[in-house]
Amino acid sequence: MSSNSTLQPTSLSNSLNDDQLKRLIREVRDFPKPGILFYDITTLLKDKSGFATLVDRFAAHYRDQQVDLVLGMEARGFIFAPALAYSLKAGFVPVRKPGKLPAECVKYDYALEYGTNSLEMHKDAIVRGQRVIIVDDLLATGGTAEATAKLATMLGAEIAGLGFVVELDFLKGREKLKDYEVMSLLHYSK
């Protein structure tokens, strides 16, 4: 779907199936660079039934997991993690790029294809033994999710699972996360 004009708002009375959710995601060719097909979830987020369906599906999956905290990675993880935390009656913890959190932090550096990146979390964000889930919009290569899980583990968290709105199956990011329970709501093969 390359045009926003074909997106139709839906009724909140029914949750949506995978095909209906995918129709709410705008596909943008050659973004952020030529040859890339970008799945833009902002069109899904503005649909009240679409957004509610995402949060409800995450909540149904994790409801019996006795989750203490939901970790959301900067930036789009901040959209889903607080809503899910509220639904699960759990706390929310932001995982940020370096220098964005005001108190003492722990940092985890990880390798990218060309270079390195880092994530930080407040040192007191997790109490040893707390059960956490990690939520983000996209599972691509798995590097950021793996780094977040390792950062949480450094603080003593028990990782109850990782949840993603979209998984790009062809990038095989799930392979980096084989030690964890991974749940993705929508899958793309291209």
N, C-alpha and C. Protein backbone atom coordinates (compact mmCIF):
# COMPACT_ATOMS: atom_id res chain seq x y z
N MET A 1 0.85 -1.16 0.00
CA MET A 1 0.00 0.00 0.00
C MET A 1 0.90 1.23 0.00
N SER A 2 0.84 2.02 -1.02
CA SER A 2 1.75 3.15 -1.12
C SER A 2 1.06 4.47 -0.92
N SER A 3 -0.23 4.46 -0.78
CA SER A 3 -0.96 5.71 -0.64
C SER A 3 -1.81 5.66 0.61
N ASN A 4 -1.83 6.75 1.34
CA ASN A 4 -2.62 6.85 2.54
C ASN A 4 -4.11 6.94 2.22
N SER A 5 -4.49 7.28 0.98
CA SER A 5 -5.88 7.47 0.63
C SER A 5 -6.68 6.17 0.68
N THR A 6 -6.04 5.02 0.64
CA THR A 6 -6.77 3.76 0.67
C THR A 6 -6.98 3.24 2.09
N LEU A 7 -6.42 3.91 3.08
CA LEU A 7 -6.58 3.47 4.46
C LEU A 7 -7.91 3.94 4.99
N GLN A 8 -8.68 3.02 5.54
CA GLN A 8 -9.99 3.35 6.07
C GLN A 8 -10.00 3.12 7.57
N PRO A 9 -10.50 4.08 8.35
CA PRO A 9 -10.64 3.84 9.78
C PRO A 9 -11.56 2.65 10.03
N THR A 10 -11.35 1.97 11.12
CA THR A 10 -12.17 0.80 11.44
C THR A 10 -12.94 1.04 12.71
N SER A 11 -13.88 0.17 12.97
CA SER A 11 -14.71 0.27 14.16
C SER A 11 -13.99 -0.39 15.33
N LEU A 12 -14.13 0.19 16.50
CA LEU A 12 -13.50 -0.35 17.70
C LEU A 12 -14.25 -1.58 18.21
N SER A 13 -15.42 -1.87 17.64
CA SER A 13 -16.25 -2.95 18.16
C SER A 13 -15.63 -4.33 17.94
N ASN A 14 -14.79 -4.50 16.96
CA ASN A 14 -14.17 -5.80 16.68
C ASN A 14 -12.66 -5.65 16.59
N SER A 15 -11.95 -6.69 17.09
CA SER A 15 -10.51 -6.65 16.87
C SER A 15 -10.23 -7.11 15.44
N LEU A 16 -9.09 -6.74 14.94
CA LEU A 16 -8.74 -6.97 13.55
C LEU A 16 -7.87 -8.20 13.39
N ASN A 17 -7.99 -8.87 12.26
CA ASN A 17 -7.12 -10.00 11.98
C ASN A 17 -5.81 -9.49 11.36
N ASP A 18 -4.88 -10.40 11.12
CA ASP A 18 -3.56 -10.01 10.60
C ASP A 18 -3.65 -9.27 9.27
N ASP A 19 -4.47 -9.77 8.37
CA ASP A 19 -4.58 -9.10 7.07
C ASP A 19 -5.13 -7.69 7.20
N GLN A 20 -6.11 -7.51 8.08
CA GLN A 20 -6.65 -6.17 8.29
C GLN A 20 -5.60 -5.24 8.91
N LEU A 21 -4.82 -5.76 9.84
CA LEU A 21 -3.76 -4.95 10.43
C LEU A 21 -2.71 -4.58 9.38
N LYS A 22 -2.33 -5.53 8.56
CA LYS A 22 -1.33 -5.25 7.53
C LYS A 22 -1.81 -4.20 6.53
N ARG A 23 -3.11 -4.20 6.25
CA ARG A 23 -3.64 -3.19 5.33
C ARG A 23 -3.56 -1.79 5.93
N LEU A 24 -3.44 -1.70 7.24
CA LEU A 24 -3.31 -0.40 7.90
C LEU A 24 -1.87 0.10 7.94
N ILE A 25 -0.92 -0.73 7.53
CA ILE A 25 0.49 -0.35 7.53
C ILE A 25 0.86 0.15 6.13
N ARG A 26 1.38 1.36 6.09
CA ARG A 26 1.78 1.95 4.81
C ARG A 26 3.15 1.42 4.42
N GLU A 27 3.28 1.01 3.17
CA GLU A 27 4.57 0.57 2.64
C GLU A 27 5.18 1.73 1.85
N VAL A 28 6.38 2.14 2.25
CA VAL A 28 7.06 3.26 1.60
C VAL A 28 8.32 2.72 0.93
N ARG A 29 8.36 2.80 -0.37
CA ARG A 29 9.52 2.31 -1.12
C ARG A 29 10.66 3.33 -1.07
N ASP A 30 11.88 2.78 -1.08
CA ASP A 30 13.10 3.60 -1.12
C ASP A 30 13.22 4.56 0.06
N PHE A 31 12.81 4.09 1.25
CA PHE A 31 12.99 4.88 2.47
C PHE A 31 13.57 3.97 3.54
N PRO A 32 14.58 4.37 4.24
CA PRO A 32 15.24 5.68 4.24
C PRO A 32 16.30 5.84 3.15
N LYS A 33 16.49 4.76 2.34
CA LYS A 33 17.44 4.88 1.22
C LYS A 33 16.96 3.97 0.09
N PRO A 34 17.47 4.16 -1.10
CA PRO A 34 17.04 3.36 -2.25
C PRO A 34 17.17 1.86 -1.99
N GLY A 35 16.15 1.12 -2.42
CA GLY A 35 16.16 -0.33 -2.27
C GLY A 35 15.51 -0.85 -1.00
N ILE A 36 15.16 0.04 -0.09
CA ILE A 36 14.54 -0.37 1.17
C ILE A 36 13.02 -0.21 1.06
N LEU A 37 12.28 -1.21 1.53
CA LEU A 37 10.83 -1.11 1.65
C LEU A 37 10.54 -0.92 3.12
N PHE A 38 10.03 0.27 3.48
CA PHE A 38 9.81 0.65 4.87
C PHE A 38 8.35 0.41 5.23
N TYR A 39 8.12 -0.32 6.32
CA TYR A 39 6.77 -0.56 6.81
C TYR A 39 6.45 0.51 7.85
N ASP A 40 5.65 1.47 7.47
CA ASP A 40 5.32 2.63 8.29
C ASP A 40 4.08 2.33 9.13
N ILE A 41 4.29 2.13 10.43
CA ILE A 41 3.18 1.77 11.32
C ILE A 41 2.38 2.97 11.79
N THR A 42 2.80 4.19 11.46
CA THR A 42 2.05 5.36 11.95
C THR A 42 0.61 5.35 11.44
N THR A 43 0.38 4.78 10.27
CA THR A 43 -0.97 4.70 9.75
C THR A 43 -1.81 3.69 10.52
N LEU A 44 -1.18 2.66 11.08
CA LEU A 44 -1.87 1.71 11.94
C LEU A 44 -2.14 2.34 13.30
N LEU A 45 -1.17 3.08 13.82
CA LEU A 45 -1.31 3.69 15.15
C LEU A 45 -2.47 4.67 15.23
N LYS A 46 -2.74 5.36 14.14
CA LYS A 46 -3.82 6.37 14.18
C LYS A 46 -5.20 5.74 14.09
N ASP A 47 -5.26 4.45 13.74
CA ASP A 47 -6.53 3.75 13.66
C ASP A 47 -6.85 3.19 15.05
N LYS A 48 -7.94 3.66 15.65
CA LYS A 48 -8.23 3.29 17.04
C LYS A 48 -8.43 1.79 17.22
N SER A 49 -9.06 1.13 16.27
CA SER A 49 -9.24 -0.31 16.39
C SER A 49 -7.93 -1.05 16.13
N GLY A 50 -7.13 -0.55 15.20
CA GLY A 50 -5.83 -1.17 14.94
C GLY A 50 -4.91 -1.10 16.14
N PHE A 51 -4.78 0.10 16.72
CA PHE A 51 -3.92 0.26 17.90
C PHE A 51 -4.42 -0.58 19.06
N ALA A 52 -5.74 -0.55 19.29
CA ALA A 52 -6.31 -1.34 20.39
C ALA A 52 -6.07 -2.83 20.18
N THR A 53 -6.19 -3.29 18.94
CA THR A 53 -5.96 -4.70 18.64
C THR A 53 -4.52 -5.09 18.98
N LEU A 54 -3.56 -4.24 18.61
CA LEU A 54 -2.15 -4.55 18.93
C LEU A 54 -1.94 -4.70 20.43
N VAL A 55 -2.40 -3.72 21.18
CA VAL A 55 -2.20 -3.75 22.63
C VAL A 55 -2.94 -4.94 23.25
N ASP A 56 -4.16 -5.17 22.79
CA ASP A 56 -4.94 -6.30 23.33
C ASP A 56 -4.28 -7.64 23.03
N ARG A 57 -3.71 -7.80 21.84
CA ARG A 57 -3.05 -9.06 21.50
C ARG A 57 -1.79 -9.27 22.33
N PHE A 58 -1.01 -8.21 22.50
CA PHE A 58 0.16 -8.32 23.37
C PHE A 58 -0.28 -8.71 24.79
N ALA A 59 -1.28 -8.01 25.30
CA ALA A 59 -1.75 -8.26 26.67
C ALA A 59 -2.25 -9.70 26.82
N ALA A 60 -3.01 -10.20 25.85
CA ALA A 60 -3.52 -11.57 25.93
C ALA A 60 -2.36 -12.57 25.96
N HIS A 61 -1.32 -12.30 25.19
CA HIS A 61 -0.17 -13.20 25.15
C HIS A 61 0.59 -13.23 26.48
N TYR A 62 0.72 -12.07 27.12
CA TYR A 62 1.56 -11.97 28.32
C TYR A 62 0.78 -11.94 29.63
N ARG A 63 -0.54 -11.97 29.59
CA ARG A 63 -1.35 -11.80 30.80
C ARG A 63 -1.00 -12.80 31.90
N ASP A 64 -0.70 -14.03 31.57
CA ASP A 64 -0.41 -15.06 32.58
C ASP A 64 1.07 -15.21 32.89
N GLN A 65 1.89 -14.27 32.45
CA GLN A 65 3.34 -14.36 32.62
C GLN A 65 3.85 -13.72 33.91
N GLN A 66 2.96 -13.13 34.71
CA GLN A 66 3.35 -12.46 35.96
C GLN A 66 4.47 -11.45 35.71
N VAL A 67 4.19 -10.53 34.81
CA VAL A 67 5.16 -9.52 34.39
C VAL A 67 5.21 -8.39 35.41
N ASP A 68 6.42 -8.03 35.83
CA ASP A 68 6.61 -6.90 36.73
C ASP A 68 6.84 -5.60 35.96
N LEU A 69 7.62 -5.68 34.87
CA LEU A 69 8.00 -4.50 34.11
C LEU A 69 7.92 -4.77 32.61
N VAL A 70 7.56 -3.73 31.87
CA VAL A 70 7.62 -3.78 30.42
C VAL A 70 8.68 -2.78 29.98
N LEU A 71 9.69 -3.27 29.28
CA LEU A 71 10.77 -2.41 28.79
C LEU A 71 10.49 -2.02 27.35
N GLY A 72 10.61 -0.73 27.06
CA GLY A 72 10.41 -0.23 25.71
C GLY A 72 11.67 0.46 25.22
N MET A 73 12.08 0.08 24.02
CA MET A 73 13.30 0.65 23.44
C MET A 73 12.98 1.92 22.67
N GLU A 74 13.88 2.87 22.79
CA GLU A 74 13.74 4.14 22.07
C GLU A 74 13.72 3.87 20.58
N ALA A 75 12.86 4.40 19.83
CA ALA A 75 11.83 5.35 20.20
C ALA A 75 10.44 4.72 20.10
N ARG A 76 10.20 3.87 19.10
CA ARG A 76 8.84 3.37 18.92
C ARG A 76 8.42 2.36 19.98
N GLY A 77 9.36 1.76 20.68
CA GLY A 77 8.99 0.92 21.81
C GLY A 77 8.29 1.71 22.90
N PHE A 78 8.53 3.03 22.92
CA PHE A 78 7.86 3.90 23.89
C PHE A 78 6.37 4.02 23.61
N ILE A 79 5.94 3.69 22.41
CA ILE A 79 4.52 3.77 22.06
C ILE A 79 3.77 2.57 22.64
N PHE A 80 4.32 1.38 22.49
CA PHE A 80 3.62 0.16 22.86
C PHE A 80 3.85 -0.24 24.30
N ALA A 81 5.05 -0.08 24.80
CA ALA A 81 5.39 -0.58 26.14
C ALA A 81 4.54 0.04 27.25
N PRO A 82 4.34 1.36 27.29
CA PRO A 82 3.50 1.91 28.37
C PRO A 82 2.04 1.45 28.28
N ALA A 83 1.50 1.36 27.07
CA ALA A 83 0.12 0.90 26.93
C ALA A 83 -0.01 -0.55 27.40
N LEU A 84 0.96 -1.38 27.03
CA LEU A 84 0.95 -2.77 27.47
C LEU A 84 1.16 -2.87 28.98
N ALA A 85 2.08 -2.08 29.51
CA ALA A 85 2.31 -2.09 30.97
C ALA A 85 1.03 -1.75 31.71
N TYR A 86 0.32 -0.75 31.25
CA TYR A 86 -0.95 -0.36 31.87
C TYR A 86 -1.93 -1.54 31.84
N SER A 87 -2.05 -2.18 30.70
CA SER A 87 -2.97 -3.30 30.55
C SER A 87 -2.60 -4.48 31.45
N LEU A 88 -1.32 -4.69 31.66
CA LEU A 88 -0.84 -5.81 32.50
C LEU A 88 -0.68 -5.42 33.96
N LYS A 89 -0.95 -4.16 34.28
CA LYS A 89 -0.74 -3.63 35.64
C LYS A 89 0.71 -3.83 36.08
N ALA A 90 1.60 -3.50 35.14
CA ALA A 90 3.05 -3.60 35.37
C ALA A 90 3.64 -2.21 35.24
N GLY A 91 4.90 -2.08 35.60
CA GLY A 91 5.60 -0.82 35.41
C GLY A 91 6.21 -0.73 34.02
N PHE A 92 6.61 0.47 33.64
CA PHE A 92 7.26 0.71 32.36
C PHE A 92 8.67 1.24 32.59
N VAL A 93 9.63 0.73 31.83
CA VAL A 93 11.02 1.20 31.91
C VAL A 93 11.49 1.56 30.50
N PRO A 94 11.94 2.82 30.33
CA PRO A 94 12.50 3.19 29.03
C PRO A 94 13.95 2.74 28.89
N VAL A 95 14.28 2.25 27.69
CA VAL A 95 15.66 1.90 27.35
C VAL A 95 16.07 2.91 26.29
N ARG A 96 17.13 3.70 26.59
CA ARG A 96 17.42 4.86 25.77
C ARG A 96 18.83 4.84 25.20
N LYS A 97 19.02 5.74 24.25
CA LYS A 97 20.36 5.99 23.73
C LYS A 97 21.15 6.72 24.81
N PRO A 98 22.48 6.66 24.78
CA PRO A 98 23.30 7.28 25.82
C PRO A 98 23.02 8.77 25.99
N GLY A 99 23.06 9.19 27.26
CA GLY A 99 22.93 10.61 27.59
C GLY A 99 21.52 11.13 27.68
N LYS A 100 20.51 10.27 27.58
CA LYS A 100 19.11 10.72 27.58
C LYS A 100 18.42 10.55 28.93
N LEU A 101 19.00 9.76 29.82
CA LEU A 101 18.38 9.52 31.13
C LEU A 101 19.12 10.32 32.19
N PRO A 102 18.40 10.89 33.17
CA PRO A 102 19.01 11.85 34.10
C PRO A 102 19.80 11.26 35.26
N ALA A 103 19.49 10.04 35.68
CA ALA A 103 20.15 9.47 36.86
C ALA A 103 21.25 8.50 36.43
N GLU A 104 21.87 7.87 37.44
CA GLU A 104 22.96 6.92 37.14
C GLU A 104 22.45 5.77 36.29
N CYS A 105 23.19 5.43 35.26
CA CYS A 105 22.77 4.42 34.28
C CYS A 105 23.76 3.29 34.16
N VAL A 106 23.28 2.18 33.63
CA VAL A 106 24.14 1.11 33.16
C VAL A 106 24.06 1.16 31.64
N LYS A 107 25.15 0.78 31.00
CA LYS A 107 25.26 0.92 29.55
C LYS A 107 25.67 -0.41 28.95
N TYR A 108 25.14 -0.68 27.76
CA TYR A 108 25.53 -1.89 27.04
C TYR A 108 25.89 -1.47 25.62
N ASP A 109 27.11 -1.82 25.20
CA ASP A 109 27.57 -1.54 23.84
C ASP A 109 27.41 -2.80 23.01
N TYR A 110 26.96 -2.61 21.77
CA TYR A 110 26.78 -3.77 20.89
C TYR A 110 27.19 -3.42 19.47
N ALA A 111 27.53 -4.46 18.73
CA ALA A 111 28.04 -4.27 17.37
C ALA A 111 26.90 -4.15 16.36
N LEU A 112 27.09 -3.27 15.42
CA LEU A 112 26.23 -3.14 14.26
C LEU A 112 26.99 -3.66 13.06
N GLU A 113 26.34 -3.73 11.91
CA GLU A 113 27.03 -4.20 10.70
C GLU A 113 28.25 -3.33 10.41
N TYR A 114 28.09 -2.01 10.58
CA TYR A 114 29.19 -1.07 10.35
C TYR A 114 29.32 -0.16 11.55
N GLY A 115 29.96 -0.63 12.61
CA GLY A 115 30.19 0.20 13.79
C GLY A 115 29.57 -0.38 15.04
N THR A 116 29.30 0.49 16.00
CA THR A 116 28.73 0.07 17.28
C THR A 116 27.61 1.02 17.68
N ASN A 117 26.83 0.58 18.64
CA ASN A 117 25.77 1.39 19.22
C ASN A 117 25.72 1.08 20.70
N SER A 118 24.99 1.87 21.46
CA SER A 118 24.89 1.67 22.90
C SER A 118 23.46 1.94 23.36
N LEU A 119 23.09 1.27 24.43
CA LEU A 119 21.81 1.50 25.10
C LEU A 119 22.06 1.70 26.58
N GLU A 120 21.19 2.47 27.20
CA GLU A 120 21.29 2.72 28.64
C GLU A 120 19.94 2.55 29.31
N MET A 121 20.05 2.22 30.61
CA MET A 121 18.88 2.11 31.47
C MET A 121 19.30 2.61 32.84
N HIS A 122 18.35 3.21 33.56
CA HIS A 122 18.69 3.62 34.92
C HIS A 122 19.16 2.41 35.74
N LYS A 123 20.18 2.62 36.53
CA LYS A 123 20.77 1.55 37.32
C LYS A 123 19.76 0.91 38.28
N ASP A 124 18.80 1.73 38.75
CA ASP A 124 17.80 1.23 39.70
C ASP A 124 16.47 0.86 39.04
N ALA A 125 16.45 0.70 37.72
CA ALA A 125 15.19 0.44 37.00
C ALA A 125 14.62 -0.95 37.27
N ILE A 126 15.49 -1.89 37.56
CA ILE A 126 15.07 -3.28 37.74
C ILE A 126 15.61 -3.79 39.07
N VAL A 127 14.74 -4.46 39.82
CA VAL A 127 15.15 -5.13 41.05
C VAL A 127 15.44 -6.59 40.68
N ARG A 128 16.56 -7.09 41.17
CA ARG A 128 16.96 -8.46 40.83
C ARG A 128 15.78 -9.42 41.01
N GLY A 129 15.55 -10.25 39.98
CA GLY A 129 14.48 -11.24 40.02
C GLY A 129 13.16 -10.79 39.41
N GLN A 130 13.05 -9.50 39.07
CA GLN A 130 11.81 -9.05 38.45
C GLN A 130 11.66 -9.66 37.06
N ARG A 131 10.42 -10.01 36.74
CA ARG A 131 10.11 -10.56 35.42
C ARG A 131 9.78 -9.42 34.48
N VAL A 132 10.47 -9.39 33.34
CA VAL A 132 10.28 -8.30 32.39
C VAL A 132 9.98 -8.85 31.00
N ILE A 133 9.25 -8.05 30.24
CA ILE A 133 9.12 -8.30 28.82
C ILE A 133 9.64 -7.08 28.09
N ILE A 134 10.16 -7.31 26.92
CA ILE A 134 10.75 -6.26 26.09
C ILE A 134 9.88 -6.12 24.86
N VAL A 135 9.45 -4.88 24.56
CA VAL A 135 8.51 -4.66 23.47
C VAL A 135 9.06 -3.59 22.53
N ASP A 136 8.92 -3.85 21.23
CA ASP A 136 9.33 -2.87 20.22
C ASP A 136 8.43 -3.03 19.00
N ASP A 137 8.54 -2.09 18.10
CA ASP A 137 7.71 -2.14 16.90
C ASP A 137 8.23 -3.15 15.89
N LEU A 138 9.56 -3.36 15.84
CA LEU A 138 10.14 -4.11 14.74
C LEU A 138 11.25 -5.04 15.19
N LEU A 139 11.18 -6.28 14.71
CA LEU A 139 12.30 -7.21 14.83
C LEU A 139 12.89 -7.36 13.44
N ALA A 140 14.07 -6.79 13.25
CA ALA A 140 14.77 -6.87 11.96
C ALA A 140 15.96 -7.80 12.15
N THR A 141 17.14 -7.26 12.44
CA THR A 141 18.33 -8.11 12.61
C THR A 141 18.48 -8.64 14.03
N GLY A 142 17.73 -8.06 14.98
CA GLY A 142 17.74 -8.56 16.35
C GLY A 142 18.78 -7.95 17.27
N GLY A 143 19.65 -7.10 16.74
CA GLY A 143 20.74 -6.55 17.56
C GLY A 143 20.28 -5.69 18.71
N THR A 144 19.34 -4.81 18.48
CA THR A 144 18.87 -3.92 19.55
C THR A 144 18.10 -4.71 20.60
N ALA A 145 17.28 -5.65 20.17
CA ALA A 145 16.52 -6.47 21.12
C ALA A 145 17.46 -7.32 21.97
N GLU A 146 18.45 -7.91 21.33
CA GLU A 146 19.43 -8.72 22.07
C GLU A 146 20.18 -7.86 23.08
N ALA A 147 20.58 -6.67 22.68
CA ALA A 147 21.29 -5.77 23.59
C ALA A 147 20.41 -5.37 24.77
N THR A 148 19.14 -5.11 24.51
CA THR A 148 18.21 -4.75 25.59
C THR A 148 18.06 -5.90 26.57
N ALA A 149 17.93 -7.12 26.06
CA ALA A 149 17.81 -8.28 26.93
C ALA A 149 19.08 -8.46 27.78
N LYS A 150 20.23 -8.26 27.19
CA LYS A 150 21.48 -8.39 27.94
C LYS A 150 21.61 -7.28 28.99
N LEU A 151 21.21 -6.09 28.64
CA LEU A 151 21.24 -4.98 29.60
C LEU A 151 20.33 -5.28 30.79
N ALA A 152 19.11 -5.76 30.51
CA ALA A 152 18.18 -6.10 31.58
C ALA A 152 18.72 -7.23 32.45
N THR A 153 19.35 -8.21 31.82
CA THR A 153 19.92 -9.33 32.55
C THR A 153 21.07 -8.87 33.45
N MET A 154 21.84 -7.88 32.98
CA MET A 154 22.92 -7.32 33.81
C MET A 154 22.37 -6.76 35.12
N LEU A 155 21.14 -6.28 35.09
CA LEU A 155 20.51 -5.71 36.28
C LEU A 155 19.75 -6.76 37.09
N GLY A 156 19.79 -8.01 36.65
CA GLY A 156 19.16 -9.10 37.40
C GLY A 156 17.76 -9.46 36.96
N ALA A 157 17.32 -8.98 35.83
CA ALA A 157 15.97 -9.28 35.36
C ALA A 157 15.86 -10.72 34.87
N GLU A 158 14.68 -11.25 35.01
CA GLU A 158 14.31 -12.51 34.38
C GLU A 158 13.51 -12.14 33.14
N ILE A 159 13.99 -12.50 31.97
CA ILE A 159 13.34 -12.13 30.72
C ILE A 159 12.18 -13.11 30.45
N ALA A 160 10.96 -12.59 30.54
CA ALA A 160 9.77 -13.42 30.32
C ALA A 160 9.42 -13.52 28.84
N GLY A 161 9.95 -12.59 28.03
CA GLY A 161 9.69 -12.66 26.61
C GLY A 161 9.99 -11.35 25.90
N LEU A 162 10.00 -11.42 24.59
CA LEU A 162 10.19 -10.25 23.74
C LEU A 162 9.03 -10.22 22.74
N GLY A 163 8.40 -9.05 22.61
CA GLY A 163 7.26 -8.91 21.73
C GLY A 163 7.47 -7.81 20.70
N PHE A 164 7.06 -8.09 19.47
CA PHE A 164 7.25 -7.14 18.37
C PHE A 164 5.95 -7.03 17.58
N VAL A 165 5.68 -5.85 17.08
CA VAL A 165 4.54 -5.66 16.20
C VAL A 165 4.82 -6.33 14.87
N VAL A 166 5.97 -6.04 14.27
CA VAL A 166 6.33 -6.53 12.95
C VAL A 166 7.66 -7.28 13.03
N GLU A 167 7.72 -8.44 12.37
CA GLU A 167 8.98 -9.16 12.23
C GLU A 167 9.29 -9.32 10.75
N LEU A 168 10.49 -8.92 10.37
CA LEU A 168 10.96 -9.11 9.00
C LEU A 168 11.68 -10.46 8.96
N ASP A 169 10.93 -11.51 8.65
CA ASP A 169 11.44 -12.88 8.76
C ASP A 169 12.72 -13.11 7.95
N PHE A 170 12.83 -12.47 6.81
CA PHE A 170 13.97 -12.69 5.92
C PHE A 170 15.29 -12.18 6.49
N LEU A 171 15.24 -11.33 7.51
CA LEU A 171 16.48 -10.84 8.14
C LEU A 171 16.95 -11.75 9.28
N LYS A 172 16.13 -12.69 9.67
CA LYS A 172 16.50 -13.73 10.63
C LYS A 172 16.95 -13.20 12.00
N GLY A 173 16.36 -12.09 12.43
CA GLY A 173 16.69 -11.53 13.73
C GLY A 173 16.36 -12.44 14.89
N ARG A 174 15.38 -13.28 14.71
CA ARG A 174 14.95 -14.22 15.76
C ARG A 174 16.10 -15.16 16.16
N GLU A 175 17.01 -15.43 15.22
CA GLU A 175 18.14 -16.33 15.52
C GLU A 175 19.03 -15.77 16.63
N LYS A 176 19.16 -14.45 16.72
CA LYS A 176 19.95 -13.85 17.80
C LYS A 176 19.24 -13.95 19.14
N LEU A 177 17.95 -14.25 19.12
CA LEU A 177 17.14 -14.24 20.33
C LEU A 177 16.69 -15.64 20.72
N LYS A 178 17.41 -16.66 20.28
CA LYS A 178 16.97 -18.04 20.48
C LYS A 178 16.90 -18.44 21.96
N ASP A 179 17.55 -17.70 22.84
CA ASP A 179 17.49 -18.01 24.27
C ASP A 179 16.23 -17.45 24.94
N TYR A 180 15.39 -16.76 24.17
CA TYR A 180 14.22 -16.09 24.73
C TYR A 180 12.95 -16.51 24.00
N GLU A 181 11.83 -16.34 24.67
CA GLU A 181 10.53 -16.53 24.03
C GLU A 181 10.26 -15.27 23.23
N VAL A 182 10.02 -15.42 21.93
CA VAL A 182 9.79 -14.28 21.03
C VAL A 182 8.41 -14.41 20.41
N MET A 183 7.66 -13.31 20.44
CA MET A 183 6.33 -13.27 19.85
C MET A 183 6.25 -12.04 18.94
N SER A 184 5.89 -12.27 17.69
CA SER A 184 5.66 -11.17 16.77
C SER A 184 4.23 -11.26 16.26
N LEU A 185 3.56 -10.11 16.22
CA LEU A 185 2.17 -10.10 15.80
C LEU A 185 2.03 -10.26 14.28
N LEU A 186 2.89 -9.60 13.52
CA LEU A 186 2.80 -9.61 12.08
C LEU A 186 4.14 -10.00 11.47
N HIS A 187 4.09 -10.77 10.40
CA HIS A 187 5.32 -11.24 9.75
C HIS A 187 5.34 -10.81 8.30
N TYR A 188 6.53 -10.40 7.84
CA TYR A 188 6.74 -10.04 6.43
C TYR A 188 7.91 -10.85 5.90
N SER A 189 7.75 -11.33 4.67
CA SER A 189 8.80 -12.14 4.06
C SER A 189 9.60 -11.37 3.01
N LYS A 190 9.27 -10.08 2.80
CA LYS A 190 10.03 -9.27 1.84
C LYS A 190 10.25 -7.88 2.40
